């Protein structure tokens, strides 16, 4: 579907679209910016191939969409605190993001999303999977939707970033800064698309507000299994120069850890968001 000289190609039924016909190293004109924003809000994540960006150009792309959120915990590119390093060396066994989650749900005003750029990729493996929280919500029964509408959930950074993890040394640190706790609606209305989305995730959600963790776990576990049904997901195969821009309010993501003994280096810029309702 061409739009303002851009070609937008959905990559699965529920989530993701590849956008062709743009060089992100050049300034993004307003018409193209509107198309990207609209596609991101509708599809949850947009992908671009064959982009050759300097760190300055990566930052310039991000600033067209919002203010940059400087990460508290990740190592950053030398001279560029705005750019978090998502890296794995051949001798390391754990990767960053190796579980279903949405970034920054522990913040009172969660991040809008992130723009991840591939600088070095393994010969094979290292894909990222995305799941649509629009589709996950829409496929629930009317009875469960009614139950969830009145619930809020507790999110925290403490159990993830507040502990030292040996294999992450040099990649993730500052555990003393992991003091973030937040409560958000379990079902949110996306501020741009107007669609309802499920807003809990296995990475940072602890339980429902007013419920114990034990009481919360069975329903959360059901929602977590439901949300990653294959028909709600897509899988992105990275190449050097690929860029993915995902919306944390509409998706989860999962970095596959299937490239042991190989090097992978990604540059990530995260954008400030706002209060969810």
C-alpha atoms as a PDB file:
ATOM      1  CA  UNK A   1       0.000   0.000   0.000  1.00  0.00           C
ATOM      2  CA  UNK A   2       1.929   3.064  -1.211  1.00  0.00           C
ATOM      3  CA  UNK A   3       1.648   6.206   0.908  1.00  0.00           C
ATOM      4  CA  UNK A   4       3.570   9.448   0.261  1.00  0.00           C
ATOM      5  CA  UNK A   5       6.074   7.385  -1.782  1.00  0.00           C
ATOM      6  CA  UNK A   6       6.426   4.925   1.102  1.00  0.00           C
ATOM      7  CA  UNK A   7       5.478   1.280   0.706  1.00  0.00           C
ATOM      8  CA  UNK A   8       3.953  -0.307   3.803  1.00  0.00           C
ATOM      9  CA  UNK A   9       3.858  -4.118   3.862  1.00  0.00           C
ATOM     10  CA  UNK A  10       2.293  -5.968   6.826  1.00  0.00           C
ATOM     11  CA  UNK A  11       4.506  -8.876   7.891  1.00  0.00           C
ATOM     12  CA  UNK A  12       1.817 -10.911   9.663  1.00  0.00           C
ATOM     13  CA  UNK A  13      -1.908 -10.788  10.237  1.00  0.00           C
ATOM     14  CA  UNK A  14      -1.804  -9.082  13.628  1.00  0.00           C
ATOM     15  CA  UNK A  15       1.455  -7.202  14.119  1.00  0.00           C
ATOM     16  CA  UNK A  16       4.349  -5.608  12.298  1.00  0.00           C
ATOM     17  CA  UNK A  17       4.903  -3.845   8.997  1.00  0.00           C
ATOM     18  CA  UNK A  18       7.938  -3.252   6.830  1.00  0.00           C
ATOM     19  CA  UNK A  19       8.266   0.266   5.453  1.00  0.00           C
ATOM     20  CA  UNK A  20      10.176   0.734   2.219  1.00  0.00           C
ATOM     21  CA  UNK A  21      11.110   3.786   0.209  1.00  0.00           C
ATOM     22  CA  UNK A  22      12.829   5.886   2.863  1.00  0.00           C
ATOM     23  CA  UNK A  23      16.444   6.645   3.734  1.00  0.00           C
ATOM     24  CA  UNK A  24      16.474   7.399   7.459  1.00  0.00           C
ATOM     25  CA  UNK A  25      19.893   9.013   7.140  1.00  0.00           C
ATOM     26  CA  UNK A  26      18.078  11.919   5.473  1.00  0.00           C
ATOM     27  CA  UNK A  27      15.697  14.259   7.340  1.00  0.00           C
ATOM     28  CA  UNK A  28      12.217  12.725   7.611  1.00  0.00           C
ATOM     29  CA  UNK A  29       9.666  14.976   5.928  1.00  0.00           C
ATOM     30  CA  UNK A  30       6.343  15.590   7.681  1.00  0.00           C
ATOM     31  CA  UNK A  31       4.262  13.447   5.315  1.00  0.00           C
ATOM     32  CA  UNK A  32       6.521  10.439   5.841  1.00  0.00           C
ATOM     33  CA  UNK A  33       6.610  11.056   9.583  1.00  0.00           C
ATOM     34  CA  UNK A  34       2.798  10.918   9.684  1.00  0.00           C
ATOM     35  CA  UNK A  35       2.738   7.644   7.747  1.00  0.00           C
ATOM     36  CA  UNK A  36       5.291   6.040  10.066  1.00  0.00           C
ATOM     37  CA  UNK A  37       3.427   7.230  13.184  1.00  0.00           C
ATOM     38  CA  UNK A  38       0.100   5.973  11.867  1.00  0.00           C
ATOM     39  CA  UNK A  39       1.549   2.598  10.875  1.00  0.00           C
ATOM     40  CA  UNK A  40       3.332   2.221  14.217  1.00  0.00           C
ATOM     41  CA  UNK A  41       0.129   2.915  16.151  1.00  0.00           C
ATOM     42  CA  UNK A  42      -1.826   0.457  13.999  1.00  0.00           C
ATOM     43  CA  UNK A  43       0.722  -2.368  13.577  1.00  0.00           C
ATOM     44  CA  UNK A  44       2.663  -2.041  16.853  1.00  0.00           C
ATOM     45  CA  UNK A  45       6.126  -2.309  15.273  1.00  0.00           C
ATOM     46  CA  UNK A  46       7.653  -1.072  12.011  1.00  0.00           C
ATOM     47  CA  UNK A  47      10.768  -2.397  10.287  1.00  0.00           C
ATOM     48  CA  UNK A  48      13.248  -0.744   7.926  1.00  0.00           C
ATOM     49  CA  UNK A  49      15.976  -2.502   5.927  1.00  0.00           C
ATOM     50  CA  UNK A  50      19.306  -1.299   4.562  1.00  0.00           C
ATOM     51  CA  UNK A  51      19.661   1.799   6.697  1.00  0.00           C
ATOM     52  CA  UNK A  52      23.203   3.082   7.174  1.00  0.00           C
ATOM     53  CA  UNK A  53      23.153   5.428  10.143  1.00  0.00           C
ATOM     54  CA  UNK A  54      25.767   7.189  12.194  1.00  0.00           C
ATOM     55  CA  UNK A  55      24.960   7.525  15.909  1.00  0.00           C
ATOM     56  CA  UNK A  56      24.086  11.171  15.247  1.00  0.00           C
ATOM     57  CA  UNK A  57      21.624  10.168  12.513  1.00  0.00           C
ATOM     58  CA  UNK A  58      20.076   7.501  14.751  1.00  0.00           C
ATOM     59  CA  UNK A  59      19.524  10.155  17.414  1.00  0.00           C
ATOM     60  CA  UNK A  60      18.084  12.541  14.824  1.00  0.00           C
ATOM     61  CA  UNK A  61      15.558   9.887  13.733  1.00  0.00           C
ATOM     62  CA  UNK A  62      14.472   9.348  17.333  1.00  0.00           C
ATOM     63  CA  UNK A  63      14.039  13.050  18.014  1.00  0.00           C
ATOM     64  CA  UNK A  64      11.520  13.297  15.165  1.00  0.00           C
ATOM     65  CA  UNK A  65       9.220  11.073  17.244  1.00  0.00           C
ATOM     66  CA  UNK A  66       9.747  12.403  20.761  1.00  0.00           C
ATOM     67  CA  UNK A  67      12.139  13.058  23.590  1.00  0.00           C
ATOM     68  CA  UNK A  68      14.832  10.491  24.320  1.00  0.00           C
ATOM     69  CA  UNK A  69      14.750   8.505  27.558  1.00  0.00           C
ATOM     70  CA  UNK A  70      18.324   7.884  28.739  1.00  0.00           C
ATOM     71  CA  UNK A  71      18.488   4.352  30.132  1.00  0.00           C
ATOM     72  CA  UNK A  72      19.387   3.973  33.816  1.00  0.00           C
ATOM     73  CA  UNK A  73      20.773   0.455  33.634  1.00  0.00           C
ATOM     74  CA  UNK A  74      22.306  -0.293  30.220  1.00  0.00           C
ATOM     75  CA  UNK A  75      25.837   0.464  29.105  1.00  0.00           C
ATOM     76  CA  UNK A  76      25.817   3.130  26.411  1.00  0.00           C
ATOM     77  CA  UNK A  77      27.733   3.849  23.236  1.00  0.00           C
ATOM     78  CA  UNK A  78      30.927   5.821  23.836  1.00  0.00           C
ATOM     79  CA  UNK A  79      30.078   9.500  23.748  1.00  0.00           C
ATOM     80  CA  UNK A  80      26.364   8.882  23.239  1.00  0.00           C
ATOM     81  CA  UNK A  81      24.447   8.395  26.516  1.00  0.00           C
ATOM     82  CA  UNK A  82      21.209   8.457  24.473  1.00  0.00           C
ATOM     83  CA  UNK A  83      22.178   5.147  22.818  1.00  0.00           C
ATOM     84  CA  UNK A  84      21.952   2.020  24.979  1.00  0.00           C
ATOM     85  CA  UNK A  85      24.057  -0.973  23.963  1.00  0.00           C
ATOM     86  CA  UNK A  86      22.254  -4.275  23.520  1.00  0.00           C
ATOM     87  CA  UNK A  87      25.222  -6.578  23.112  1.00  0.00           C
ATOM     88  CA  UNK A  88      26.305 -10.165  23.481  1.00  0.00           C
ATOM     89  CA  UNK A  89      29.882 -11.405  23.072  1.00  0.00           C
ATOM     90  CA  UNK A  90      30.820 -14.900  21.872  1.00  0.00           C
ATOM     91  CA  UNK A  91      31.778 -16.055  25.391  1.00  0.00           C
ATOM     92  CA  UNK A  92      28.547 -14.844  27.007  1.00  0.00           C
ATOM     93  CA  UNK A  93      25.596 -17.188  27.462  1.00  0.00           C
ATOM     94  CA  UNK A  94      22.801 -14.824  28.480  1.00  0.00           C
ATOM     95  CA  UNK A  95      21.329 -12.213  26.200  1.00  0.00           C
ATOM     96  CA  UNK A  96      19.442  -9.010  26.952  1.00  0.00           C
ATOM     97  CA  UNK A  97      15.692  -9.219  26.532  1.00  0.00           C
ATOM     98  CA  UNK A  98      15.510 -13.003  26.426  1.00  0.00           C
ATOM     99  CA  UNK A  99      11.930 -13.272  27.671  1.00  0.00           C
ATOM    100  CA  UNK A 100       8.572 -11.769  26.750  1.00  0.00           C
ATOM    101  CA  UNK A 101       8.241  -8.220  28.095  1.00  0.00           C
ATOM    102  CA  UNK A 102       7.417  -4.629  27.309  1.00  0.00           C
ATOM    103  CA  UNK A 103      10.019  -2.030  28.214  1.00  0.00           C
ATOM    104  CA  UNK A 104       9.642   0.403  31.105  1.00  0.00           C
ATOM    105  CA  UNK A 105       6.220  -0.724  32.339  1.00  0.00           C
ATOM    106  CA  UNK A 106       7.691  -0.163  35.831  1.00  0.00           C
ATOM    107  CA  UNK A 107       7.751   3.610  35.225  1.00  0.00           C
ATOM    108  CA  UNK A 108       4.834   5.841  36.201  1.00  0.00           C
ATOM    109  CA  UNK A 109       4.956   7.174  32.656  1.00  0.00           C
ATOM    110  CA  UNK A 110       6.188   4.210  30.602  1.00  0.00           C
ATOM    111  CA  UNK A 111       8.333   4.742  27.531  1.00  0.00           C
ATOM    112  CA  UNK A 112       6.516   5.139  24.220  1.00  0.00           C
ATOM    113  CA  UNK A 113       8.794   2.663  22.500  1.00  0.00           C
ATOM    114  CA  UNK A 114      12.297   1.978  21.264  1.00  0.00           C
ATOM    115  CA  UNK A 115      14.239   2.282  18.016  1.00  0.00           C
ATOM    116  CA  UNK A 116      16.676  -0.628  17.754  1.00  0.00           C
ATOM    117  CA  UNK A 117      19.386  -0.565  15.080  1.00  0.00           C
ATOM    118  CA  UNK A 118      21.512  -3.566  14.065  1.00  0.00           C
ATOM    119  CA  UNK A 119      25.244  -2.826  13.874  1.00  0.00           C
ATOM    120  CA  UNK A 120      26.594  -6.389  14.059  1.00  0.00           C
ATOM    121  CA  UNK A 121      24.531  -9.568  13.740  1.00  0.00           C
ATOM    122  CA  UNK A 122      25.365 -13.276  13.990  1.00  0.00           C
ATOM    123  CA  UNK A 123      25.496 -15.449  10.894  1.00  0.00           C
ATOM    124  CA  UNK A 124      22.172 -16.938  11.930  1.00  0.00           C
ATOM    125  CA  UNK A 125      19.802 -16.579  14.867  1.00  0.00           C
ATOM    126  CA  UNK A 126      19.243 -13.544  17.061  1.00  0.00           C
ATOM    127  CA  UNK A 127      15.746 -12.831  15.745  1.00  0.00           C
ATOM    128  CA  UNK A 128      13.277 -10.715  17.729  1.00  0.00           C
ATOM    129  CA  UNK A 129       9.668 -11.830  18.172  1.00  0.00           C
ATOM    130  CA  UNK A 130       6.800  -9.393  18.679  1.00  0.00           C
ATOM    131  CA  UNK A 131       3.274 -10.004  19.962  1.00  0.00           C
ATOM    132  CA  UNK A 132       0.245  -7.753  19.500  1.00  0.00           C
ATOM    133  CA  UNK A 133      -1.501  -6.768  22.706  1.00  0.00           C
ATOM    134  CA  UNK A 134      -4.375  -5.420  20.596  1.00  0.00           C
ATOM    135  CA  UNK A 135      -4.970  -8.891  19.165  1.00  0.00           C
ATOM    136  CA  UNK A 136      -4.482 -10.528  22.569  1.00  0.00           C
ATOM    137  CA  UNK A 137      -7.147  -8.316  24.132  1.00  0.00           C
ATOM    138  CA  UNK A 138      -9.595  -8.535  21.241  1.00  0.00           C
ATOM    139  CA  UNK A 139      -9.545 -12.350  21.289  1.00  0.00           C
ATOM    140  CA  UNK A 140     -10.564 -12.585  24.964  1.00  0.00           C
ATOM    141  CA  UNK A 141     -14.101 -13.556  25.904  1.00  0.00           C
ATOM    142  CA  UNK A 142     -16.544 -10.798  26.766  1.00  0.00           C
ATOM    143  CA  UNK A 143     -16.676 -12.082  30.339  1.00  0.00           C
ATOM    144  CA  UNK A 144     -12.915 -11.909  30.832  1.00  0.00           C
ATOM    145  CA  UNK A 145     -12.749  -8.494  29.175  1.00  0.00           C
ATOM    146  CA  UNK A 146     -15.335  -7.263  31.680  1.00  0.00           C
ATOM    147  CA  UNK A 147     -13.300  -8.667  34.584  1.00  0.00           C
ATOM    148  CA  UNK A 148     -10.052  -7.132  33.369  1.00  0.00           C
ATOM    149  CA  UNK A 149     -11.547  -3.693  32.710  1.00  0.00           C
ATOM    150  CA  UNK A 150     -11.765  -3.026  36.440  1.00  0.00           C
ATOM    151  CA  UNK A 151      -8.284  -4.270  37.336  1.00  0.00           C
ATOM    152  CA  UNK A 152      -4.980  -2.522  37.768  1.00  0.00           C
ATOM    153  CA  UNK A 153      -1.604  -4.240  37.981  1.00  0.00           C
ATOM    154  CA  UNK A 154       1.612  -3.711  39.921  1.00  0.00           C
ATOM    155  CA  UNK A 155       4.858  -3.377  37.933  1.00  0.00           C
ATOM    156  CA  UNK A 156       8.424  -3.076  39.241  1.00  0.00           C
ATOM    157  CA  UNK A 157      12.036  -2.845  38.095  1.00  0.00           C
ATOM    158  CA  UNK A 158      13.443  -4.199  41.359  1.00  0.00           C
ATOM    159  CA  UNK A 159      13.362  -7.938  40.671  1.00  0.00           C
ATOM    160  CA  UNK A 160      14.955  -7.514  37.214  1.00  0.00           C
ATOM    161  CA  UNK A 161      17.494  -4.698  37.447  1.00  0.00           C
ATOM    162  CA  UNK A 162      17.932  -4.545  41.225  1.00  0.00           C
ATOM    163  CA  UNK A 163      20.072  -7.679  41.430  1.00  0.00           C
ATOM    164  CA  UNK A 164      23.630  -8.329  40.274  1.00  0.00           C
ATOM    165  CA  UNK A 165      23.844 -10.854  37.445  1.00  0.00           C
ATOM    166  CA  UNK A 166      27.384 -11.988  36.746  1.00  0.00           C
ATOM    167  CA  UNK A 167      27.042 -12.681  33.026  1.00  0.00           C
ATOM    168  CA  UNK A 168      25.532  -9.212  32.516  1.00  0.00           C
ATOM    169  CA  UNK A 169      28.464  -7.355  34.095  1.00  0.00           C
ATOM    170  CA  UNK A 170      29.477  -4.490  31.849  1.00  0.00           C
ATOM    171  CA  UNK A 171      26.200  -4.656  29.936  1.00  0.00           C
ATOM    172  CA  UNK A 172      23.621  -3.985  32.673  1.00  0.00           C
ATOM    173  CA  UNK A 173      24.470  -2.338  35.983  1.00  0.00           C
ATOM    174  CA  UNK A 174      23.513   0.280  38.598  1.00  0.00           C
ATOM    175  CA  UNK A 175      21.212  -2.052  40.579  1.00  0.00           C
ATOM    176  CA  UNK A 176      20.886   0.633  43.250  1.00  0.00           C
ATOM    177  CA  UNK A 177      18.830   2.675  40.743  1.00  0.00           C
ATOM    178  CA  UNK A 178      16.188  -0.048  40.400  1.00  0.00           C
ATOM    179  CA  UNK A 179      13.606   1.573  42.665  1.00  0.00           C
ATOM    180  CA  UNK A 180      10.744   2.004  40.208  1.00  0.00           C
ATOM    181  CA  UNK A 181       7.249   0.759  41.064  1.00  0.00           C
ATOM    182  CA  UNK A 182       4.065   1.636  39.213  1.00  0.00           C
ATOM    183  CA  UNK A 183       0.415   0.662  38.973  1.00  0.00           C
ATOM    184  CA  UNK A 184      -1.283   0.704  35.559  1.00  0.00           C
ATOM    185  CA  UNK A 185      -4.652  -0.392  34.167  1.00  0.00           C
ATOM    186  CA  UNK A 186      -4.633  -3.984  32.944  1.00  0.00           C
ATOM    187  CA  UNK A 187      -6.459  -2.813  29.817  1.00  0.00           C
ATOM    188  CA  UNK A 188      -5.364   0.489  28.313  1.00  0.00           C
ATOM    189  CA  UNK A 189      -6.650   2.577  25.422  1.00  0.00           C
ATOM    190  CA  UNK A 190      -3.831   3.415  23.038  1.00  0.00           C
ATOM    191  CA  UNK A 191      -3.526   7.218  22.925  1.00  0.00           C
ATOM    192  CA  UNK A 192      -3.065   7.352  19.141  1.00  0.00           C
ATOM    193  CA  UNK A 193      -4.988   4.420  17.662  1.00  0.00           C
ATOM    194  CA  UNK A 194      -7.837   4.483  20.202  1.00  0.00           C
ATOM    195  CA  UNK A 195      -7.731   0.655  20.346  1.00  0.00           C
ATOM    196  CA  UNK A 196      -7.762  -1.294  23.588  1.00  0.00           C
ATOM    197  CA  UNK A 197      -4.692  -3.335  24.501  1.00  0.00           C
ATOM    198  CA  UNK A 198      -3.685  -5.755  27.237  1.00  0.00           C
ATOM    199  CA  UNK A 199      -1.091  -4.115  29.490  1.00  0.00           C
ATOM    200  CA  UNK A 200       0.586  -6.706  31.685  1.00  0.00           C
ATOM    201  CA  UNK A 201       3.797  -8.562  30.849  1.00  0.00           C
ATOM    202  CA  UNK A 202       5.854 -11.467  32.232  1.00  0.00           C
ATOM    203  CA  UNK A 203       8.985  -9.361  32.651  1.00  0.00           C
ATOM    204  CA  UNK A 204       7.854  -6.620  35.014  1.00  0.00           C
ATOM    205  CA  UNK A 205       4.300  -7.290  36.232  1.00  0.00           C
ATOM    206  CA  UNK A 206       4.116  -8.641  39.799  1.00  0.00           C
ATOM    207  CA  UNK A 207       0.371  -9.000  40.348  1.00  0.00           C
ATOM    208  CA  UNK A 208      -2.954  -7.215  40.423  1.00  0.00           C
ATOM    209  CA  UNK A 209      -3.432  -4.238  42.715  1.00  0.00           C
ATOM    210  CA  UNK A 210      -5.290  -5.385  45.828  1.00  0.00           C
ATOM    211  CA  UNK A 211      -4.515  -9.059  45.116  1.00  0.00           C
ATOM    212  CA  UNK A 212      -1.685 -11.168  46.509  1.00  0.00           C
ATOM    213  CA  UNK A 213       0.935 -12.542  44.137  1.00  0.00           C
ATOM    214  CA  UNK A 214      -0.464 -16.061  44.676  1.00  0.00           C
ATOM    215  CA  UNK A 215      -3.987 -14.907  43.851  1.00  0.00           C
ATOM    216  CA  UNK A 216      -2.740 -13.051  40.780  1.00  0.00           C
ATOM    217  CA  UNK A 217      -0.573 -15.782  39.321  1.00  0.00           C
ATOM    218  CA  UNK A 218      -3.204 -18.102  37.775  1.00  0.00           C
ATOM    219  CA  UNK A 219      -4.914 -15.326  35.821  1.00  0.00           C
ATOM    220  CA  UNK A 220      -1.641 -13.700  34.805  1.00  0.00           C
ATOM    221  CA  UNK A 221      -0.259 -17.050  33.658  1.00  0.00           C
ATOM    222  CA  UNK A 222      -3.352 -17.571  31.512  1.00  0.00           C
ATOM    223  CA  UNK A 223      -2.995 -14.115  29.965  1.00  0.00           C
ATOM    224  CA  UNK A 224       0.707 -14.687  29.295  1.00  0.00           C
ATOM    225  CA  UNK A 225       0.017 -17.982  27.487  1.00  0.00           C
ATOM    226  CA  UNK A 226      -2.859 -16.451  25.564  1.00  0.00           C
ATOM    227  CA  UNK A 227      -0.963 -13.324  24.475  1.00  0.00           C
ATOM    228  CA  UNK A 228       1.740 -15.210  22.574  1.00  0.00           C
ATOM    229  CA  UNK A 229      -0.504 -17.398  20.448  1.00  0.00           C
ATOM    230  CA  UNK A 230       1.229 -17.687  17.062  1.00  0.00           C
ATOM    231  CA  UNK A 231      -1.495 -15.771  15.237  1.00  0.00           C
ATOM    232  CA  UNK A 232      -0.785 -12.719  17.429  1.00  0.00           C
ATOM    233  CA  UNK A 233       2.955 -12.650  16.674  1.00  0.00           C
ATOM    234  CA  UNK A 234       5.597 -11.983  14.056  1.00  0.00           C
ATOM    235  CA  UNK A 235       9.313 -12.758  13.910  1.00  0.00           C
ATOM    236  CA  UNK A 236      11.921 -10.327  12.576  1.00  0.00           C
ATOM    237  CA  UNK A 237      15.158 -11.663  11.108  1.00  0.00           C
ATOM    238  CA  UNK A 238      17.830  -9.055  11.589  1.00  0.00           C
ATOM    239  CA  UNK A 239      20.402  -8.046   9.014  1.00  0.00           C
ATOM    240  CA  UNK A 240      23.157  -5.490   9.440  1.00  0.00           C
ATOM    241  CA  UNK A 241      21.530  -2.103   8.833  1.00  0.00           C
ATOM    242  CA  UNK A 242      18.040  -3.223   9.864  1.00  0.00           C
ATOM    243  CA  UNK A 243      16.024  -1.025  12.200  1.00  0.00           C
ATOM    244  CA  UNK A 244      12.932  -1.836  14.253  1.00  0.00           C
ATOM    245  CA  UNK A 245      10.738   0.740  15.975  1.00  0.00           C
ATOM    246  CA  UNK A 246       8.220  -0.782  18.384  1.00  0.00           C
ATOM    247  CA  UNK A 247       5.409   0.666  20.471  1.00  0.00           C
ATOM    248  CA  UNK A 248       5.540  -0.529  24.083  1.00  0.00           C
ATOM    249  CA  UNK A 249       1.858   0.301  24.540  1.00  0.00           C
ATOM    250  CA  UNK A 250       0.748  -2.145  21.858  1.00  0.00           C
ATOM    251  CA  UNK A 251       3.313  -4.970  21.841  1.00  0.00           C
ATOM    252  CA  UNK A 252       5.560  -7.314  23.746  1.00  0.00           C
ATOM    253  CA  UNK A 253       8.919  -8.442  22.372  1.00  0.00           C
ATOM    254  CA  UNK A 254      11.335 -11.327  22.928  1.00  0.00           C
ATOM    255  CA  UNK A 255      14.992 -11.541  21.839  1.00  0.00           C
ATOM    256  CA  UNK A 256      15.845 -15.110  20.809  1.00  0.00           C
ATOM    257  CA  UNK A 257      19.063 -16.378  22.395  1.00  0.00           C
ATOM    258  CA  UNK A 258      20.110 -18.916  19.766  1.00  0.00           C
ATOM    259  CA  UNK A 259      23.495 -17.679  18.524  1.00  0.00           C
ATOM    260  CA  UNK A 260      25.970 -18.828  21.183  1.00  0.00           C
ATOM    261  CA  UNK A 261      29.597 -18.230  20.280  1.00  0.00           C
ATOM    262  CA  UNK A 262      28.732 -15.291  18.014  1.00  0.00           C
ATOM    263  CA  UNK A 263      28.789 -11.515  18.390  1.00  0.00           C
ATOM    264  CA  UNK A 264      25.673  -9.332  18.226  1.00  0.00           C
ATOM    265  CA  UNK A 265      25.641  -5.558  18.729  1.00  0.00           C
ATOM    266  CA  UNK A 266      22.514  -3.407  18.612  1.00  0.00           C
ATOM    267  CA  UNK A 267      22.050   0.291  19.363  1.00  0.00           C
ATOM    268  CA  UNK A 268      18.798   1.168  21.120  1.00  0.00           C
ATOM    269  CA  UNK A 269      17.192   4.543  21.682  1.00  0.00           C
ATOM    270  CA  UNK A 270      14.097   4.705  23.862  1.00  0.00           C
ATOM    271  CA  UNK A 271      11.493   7.463  23.678  1.00  0.00           C
ATOM    272  CA  UNK A 272       9.668   9.090  26.563  1.00  0.00           C
ATOM    273  CA  UNK A 273       5.986   8.230  26.892  1.00  0.00           C
ATOM    274  CA  UNK A 274       3.143   9.378  29.109  1.00  0.00           C
ATOM    275  CA  UNK A 275       0.501   8.322  31.588  1.00  0.00           C
ATOM    276  CA  UNK A 276      -1.572   5.327  30.519  1.00  0.00           C
ATOM    277  CA  UNK A 277      -5.328   5.051  30.868  1.00  0.00           C
END
